[in-house]
């Protein structure tokens, strides 16, 4: 196996929703905003950059969805789009302080 091909573990199964989850349009809007920036963004900053208003709970669900898939890292400074296949990186991210 080539050294640049690092096997990733499968994402966890989605939790059972007790209510309707974020729509595909919501997920796409949040992903588009996060991918445009290299640094972490606060939830309020993300809401301000979205093309339409979104409730905090819907944004939180979208962020949690991407965290579960390993596409987003969240720390004390905010949320950042990261799609990194190196396992050591995710070990460090796991030690970050959650807000």
N, C-alpha and C. Protein backbone atom coordinates (compact mmCIF):
# COMPACT_ATOMS: atom_id res chain seq x y z
N UNK A 1 0.85 -1.18 0.00
CA UNK A 1 0.00 0.00 0.00
C UNK A 1 0.89 1.24 0.00
N UNK A 2 0.53 2.22 -0.78
CA UNK A 2 1.30 3.45 -0.84
C UNK A 2 1.15 4.23 0.45
N UNK A 3 2.22 4.95 0.82
CA UNK A 3 2.20 5.66 2.10
C UNK A 3 1.21 6.81 2.12
N UNK A 4 0.85 7.35 0.96
CA UNK A 4 -0.11 8.45 0.93
C UNK A 4 -1.56 7.98 0.99
N UNK A 5 -1.78 6.69 0.85
CA UNK A 5 -3.13 6.14 0.96
C UNK A 5 -3.31 5.61 2.38
N UNK A 6 -3.86 6.43 3.23
CA UNK A 6 -4.05 6.07 4.62
C UNK A 6 -5.50 5.61 4.81
N UNK A 7 -5.70 4.40 5.31
CA UNK A 7 -7.07 3.94 5.50
C UNK A 7 -7.78 4.75 6.58
N UNK A 8 -9.01 5.12 6.31
CA UNK A 8 -9.81 5.87 7.29
C UNK A 8 -10.87 4.94 7.86
N UNK A 9 -11.23 5.19 9.09
CA UNK A 9 -12.30 4.38 9.67
C UNK A 9 -13.64 4.91 9.17
N UNK A 10 -14.61 4.06 9.13
CA UNK A 10 -15.94 4.44 8.65
C UNK A 10 -16.59 5.39 9.65
N UNK A 11 -17.35 6.38 9.16
CA UNK A 11 -18.03 7.28 10.08
C UNK A 11 -19.10 6.54 10.88
N UNK A 12 -19.39 7.06 12.04
CA UNK A 12 -20.42 6.44 12.88
C UNK A 12 -21.78 6.53 12.19
N UNK A 13 -22.65 5.61 12.55
CA UNK A 13 -24.00 5.63 12.00
C UNK A 13 -24.72 6.88 12.53
N UNK A 14 -25.59 7.47 11.72
CA UNK A 14 -26.29 8.67 12.18
C UNK A 14 -27.20 8.35 13.36
N UNK A 15 -27.31 9.30 14.29
CA UNK A 15 -28.20 9.07 15.44
C UNK A 15 -29.66 9.10 14.99
N UNK A 16 -30.50 8.43 15.75
CA UNK A 16 -31.94 8.43 15.46
C UNK A 16 -32.48 9.82 15.75
N UNK A 17 -33.13 10.41 14.75
CA UNK A 17 -33.68 11.76 14.91
C UNK A 17 -35.08 11.68 15.50
N UNK A 18 -35.33 12.53 16.46
CA UNK A 18 -36.66 12.60 17.05
C UNK A 18 -37.51 13.64 16.35
N UNK A 19 -36.90 14.38 15.46
CA UNK A 19 -37.59 15.42 14.68
C UNK A 19 -36.91 15.48 13.33
N UNK A 20 -37.40 16.35 12.46
CA UNK A 20 -36.82 16.48 11.12
C UNK A 20 -35.41 17.07 11.21
N UNK A 21 -34.49 16.50 10.48
CA UNK A 21 -33.11 16.98 10.46
C UNK A 21 -32.92 18.10 9.45
N UNK A 22 -31.67 18.55 9.27
CA UNK A 22 -31.41 19.63 8.32
C UNK A 22 -31.67 19.15 6.88
N UNK A 23 -32.15 20.06 6.06
CA UNK A 23 -32.42 19.71 4.66
C UNK A 23 -31.11 19.67 3.89
N UNK A 24 -31.16 19.08 2.72
CA UNK A 24 -29.99 19.02 1.85
C UNK A 24 -29.55 20.43 1.47
N UNK A 25 -30.50 21.32 1.25
CA UNK A 25 -30.18 22.71 0.92
C UNK A 25 -29.43 23.38 2.07
N UNK A 26 -29.86 23.14 3.30
CA UNK A 26 -29.18 23.69 4.47
C UNK A 26 -27.75 23.16 4.56
N UNK A 27 -27.57 21.86 4.39
CA UNK A 27 -26.24 21.26 4.44
C UNK A 27 -25.34 21.85 3.36
N UNK A 28 -25.88 22.05 2.17
CA UNK A 28 -25.10 22.61 1.08
C UNK A 28 -24.68 24.05 1.37
N UNK A 29 -25.58 24.86 1.91
CA UNK A 29 -25.25 26.25 2.24
C UNK A 29 -24.14 26.31 3.28
N UNK A 30 -24.25 25.50 4.32
CA UNK A 30 -23.25 25.51 5.40
C UNK A 30 -21.91 25.03 4.86
N UNK A 31 -21.92 23.96 4.07
CA UNK A 31 -20.67 23.45 3.50
C UNK A 31 -20.01 24.49 2.60
N UNK A 32 -20.79 25.17 1.79
CA UNK A 32 -20.24 26.18 0.89
C UNK A 32 -19.54 27.30 1.65
N UNK A 33 -20.15 27.75 2.74
CA UNK A 33 -19.54 28.82 3.54
C UNK A 33 -18.26 28.32 4.20
N UNK A 34 -18.29 27.14 4.80
CA UNK A 34 -17.13 26.63 5.51
C UNK A 34 -15.94 26.36 4.58
N UNK A 35 -16.21 25.90 3.37
CA UNK A 35 -15.12 25.58 2.44
C UNK A 35 -14.41 26.84 1.93
N UNK A 36 -15.07 27.99 1.97
CA UNK A 36 -14.47 29.23 1.46
C UNK A 36 -13.42 29.81 2.39
N UNK A 37 -13.41 29.42 3.66
CA UNK A 37 -12.52 30.02 4.64
C UNK A 37 -11.50 28.99 5.13
N UNK A 38 -10.27 29.46 5.34
CA UNK A 38 -9.20 28.59 5.81
C UNK A 38 -9.15 28.46 7.33
N UNK A 39 -9.71 29.44 8.04
CA UNK A 39 -9.66 29.44 9.49
C UNK A 39 -11.00 29.10 10.11
N UNK A 40 -11.03 28.97 11.43
CA UNK A 40 -12.28 28.67 12.12
C UNK A 40 -13.24 29.85 12.11
N UNK A 41 -14.53 29.55 12.04
CA UNK A 41 -15.59 30.56 12.05
C UNK A 41 -16.53 30.28 13.21
N UNK A 42 -16.96 31.34 13.89
CA UNK A 42 -17.96 31.16 14.94
C UNK A 42 -19.32 30.88 14.30
N UNK A 43 -20.23 30.32 15.07
CA UNK A 43 -21.55 30.03 14.53
C UNK A 43 -22.27 31.30 14.10
N UNK A 44 -22.10 32.37 14.87
CA UNK A 44 -22.73 33.64 14.50
C UNK A 44 -22.16 34.18 13.19
N UNK A 45 -20.86 34.02 12.99
CA UNK A 45 -20.24 34.47 11.73
C UNK A 45 -20.76 33.63 10.56
N UNK A 46 -20.89 32.33 10.76
CA UNK A 46 -21.43 31.46 9.71
C UNK A 46 -22.84 31.89 9.35
N UNK A 47 -23.67 32.15 10.38
CA UNK A 47 -25.05 32.58 10.12
C UNK A 47 -25.08 33.88 9.33
N UNK A 48 -24.14 34.78 9.60
CA UNK A 48 -24.08 36.04 8.88
C UNK A 48 -23.65 35.89 7.43
N UNK A 49 -22.89 34.85 7.13
CA UNK A 49 -22.39 34.62 5.78
C UNK A 49 -23.34 33.80 4.91
N UNK A 50 -24.32 33.17 5.52
CA UNK A 50 -25.26 32.34 4.76
C UNK A 50 -26.15 33.20 3.88
N UNK A 51 -26.58 32.69 2.73
CA UNK A 51 -27.41 33.49 1.82
C UNK A 51 -28.82 33.77 2.35
N UNK A 52 -29.27 32.99 3.31
CA UNK A 52 -30.58 33.28 3.93
C UNK A 52 -30.48 32.97 5.41
N UNK A 53 -31.42 33.49 6.18
CA UNK A 53 -31.39 33.30 7.63
C UNK A 53 -31.63 31.84 7.99
N UNK A 54 -31.00 31.44 9.08
CA UNK A 54 -31.14 30.06 9.55
C UNK A 54 -31.20 30.08 11.07
N UNK A 55 -32.04 29.24 11.63
CA UNK A 55 -32.12 29.14 13.08
C UNK A 55 -30.87 28.47 13.63
N UNK A 56 -30.51 28.83 14.84
CA UNK A 56 -29.30 28.30 15.48
C UNK A 56 -29.36 26.78 15.59
N UNK A 57 -30.51 26.23 15.93
CA UNK A 57 -30.64 24.77 16.09
C UNK A 57 -30.39 24.05 14.77
N UNK A 58 -30.88 24.58 13.66
CA UNK A 58 -30.66 23.96 12.35
C UNK A 58 -29.18 24.00 11.97
N UNK A 59 -28.52 25.12 12.26
CA UNK A 59 -27.09 25.23 11.98
C UNK A 59 -26.30 24.24 12.84
N UNK A 60 -26.68 24.13 14.10
CA UNK A 60 -26.00 23.20 15.01
C UNK A 60 -26.14 21.76 14.50
N UNK A 61 -27.33 21.38 14.01
CA UNK A 61 -27.54 20.04 13.47
C UNK A 61 -26.68 19.80 12.24
N UNK A 62 -26.57 20.80 11.37
CA UNK A 62 -25.75 20.67 10.17
C UNK A 62 -24.28 20.50 10.55
N UNK A 63 -23.80 21.29 11.51
CA UNK A 63 -22.41 21.18 11.96
C UNK A 63 -22.16 19.79 12.56
N UNK A 64 -23.08 19.32 13.40
CA UNK A 64 -22.94 18.00 14.01
C UNK A 64 -22.92 16.89 12.95
N UNK A 65 -23.70 17.06 11.90
CA UNK A 65 -23.73 16.09 10.80
C UNK A 65 -22.35 16.00 10.15
N UNK A 66 -21.76 17.14 9.85
CA UNK A 66 -20.43 17.15 9.23
C UNK A 66 -19.34 16.71 10.19
N UNK A 67 -19.50 16.97 11.48
CA UNK A 67 -18.53 16.48 12.46
C UNK A 67 -18.53 14.96 12.49
N UNK A 68 -19.71 14.38 12.44
CA UNK A 68 -19.84 12.92 12.47
C UNK A 68 -19.17 12.29 11.26
N UNK A 69 -19.22 12.96 10.12
CA UNK A 69 -18.61 12.44 8.90
C UNK A 69 -17.11 12.73 8.83
N UNK A 70 -16.60 13.54 9.75
CA UNK A 70 -15.18 13.86 9.78
C UNK A 70 -14.79 14.96 8.82
N UNK A 71 -15.74 15.76 8.39
CA UNK A 71 -15.45 16.85 7.45
C UNK A 71 -15.22 18.18 8.16
N UNK A 72 -15.62 18.28 9.42
CA UNK A 72 -15.56 19.53 10.16
C UNK A 72 -14.88 19.28 11.50
N UNK A 73 -14.06 20.24 11.90
CA UNK A 73 -13.47 20.22 13.23
C UNK A 73 -14.01 21.43 13.99
N UNK A 74 -14.33 21.22 15.26
CA UNK A 74 -14.87 22.31 16.08
C UNK A 74 -14.01 22.45 17.32
N UNK A 75 -13.60 23.66 17.61
CA UNK A 75 -12.79 23.92 18.77
C UNK A 75 -13.25 25.18 19.47
N UNK A 76 -12.42 25.69 20.36
CA UNK A 76 -12.79 26.87 21.13
C UNK A 76 -12.89 28.13 20.27
N UNK A 77 -12.25 28.14 19.10
CA UNK A 77 -12.28 29.31 18.23
C UNK A 77 -13.36 29.24 17.17
N UNK A 78 -14.03 28.11 17.05
CA UNK A 78 -15.10 27.99 16.08
C UNK A 78 -15.06 26.69 15.31
N UNK A 79 -15.67 26.73 14.12
CA UNK A 79 -15.83 25.55 13.27
C UNK A 79 -15.02 25.77 12.00
N UNK A 80 -14.37 24.69 11.54
CA UNK A 80 -13.53 24.79 10.35
C UNK A 80 -13.71 23.55 9.49
N UNK A 81 -13.82 23.75 8.18
CA UNK A 81 -13.92 22.63 7.25
C UNK A 81 -12.55 21.99 7.13
N UNK A 82 -12.46 20.71 7.43
CA UNK A 82 -11.21 19.97 7.31
C UNK A 82 -11.53 18.60 6.78
N UNK A 83 -10.88 18.25 5.74
CA UNK A 83 -11.03 16.90 5.20
C UNK A 83 -9.62 16.35 5.07
N UNK A 84 -9.11 15.83 6.15
CA UNK A 84 -7.73 15.37 6.24
C UNK A 84 -7.74 13.89 6.55
N UNK A 85 -7.03 13.10 5.77
CA UNK A 85 -7.06 11.65 5.93
C UNK A 85 -6.00 11.13 6.90
N UNK A 86 -5.18 11.99 7.46
CA UNK A 86 -4.11 11.55 8.35
C UNK A 86 -4.68 11.27 9.74
N UNK A 87 -4.62 10.04 10.24
CA UNK A 87 -5.20 9.70 11.53
C UNK A 87 -4.62 10.50 12.70
N UNK A 88 -3.33 10.84 12.62
CA UNK A 88 -2.72 11.61 13.70
C UNK A 88 -3.39 12.97 13.86
N UNK A 89 -3.78 13.56 12.74
CA UNK A 89 -4.48 14.84 12.78
C UNK A 89 -5.77 14.73 13.60
N UNK A 90 -6.53 13.67 13.37
CA UNK A 90 -7.81 13.51 14.05
C UNK A 90 -7.63 13.17 15.53
N UNK A 91 -6.51 12.56 15.89
CA UNK A 91 -6.22 12.33 17.31
C UNK A 91 -6.03 13.66 18.02
N UNK A 92 -5.33 14.59 17.37
CA UNK A 92 -5.12 15.92 17.95
C UNK A 92 -6.44 16.68 18.03
N UNK A 93 -7.24 16.61 16.97
CA UNK A 93 -8.53 17.30 16.96
C UNK A 93 -9.42 16.80 18.09
N UNK A 94 -9.36 15.53 18.39
CA UNK A 94 -10.16 14.94 19.46
C UNK A 94 -9.82 15.51 20.84
N UNK A 95 -8.62 16.06 20.98
CA UNK A 95 -8.22 16.62 22.27
C UNK A 95 -8.61 18.10 22.40
N UNK A 96 -9.09 18.73 21.33
CA UNK A 96 -9.46 20.14 21.39
C UNK A 96 -10.62 20.34 22.35
N UNK A 97 -10.65 21.48 22.96
CA UNK A 97 -11.73 21.83 23.88
C UNK A 97 -12.97 22.17 23.07
N UNK A 98 -14.09 21.55 23.41
CA UNK A 98 -15.36 21.84 22.74
C UNK A 98 -16.03 23.03 23.40
N UNK A 99 -16.79 23.76 22.60
CA UNK A 99 -17.50 24.93 23.14
C UNK A 99 -18.76 24.52 23.81
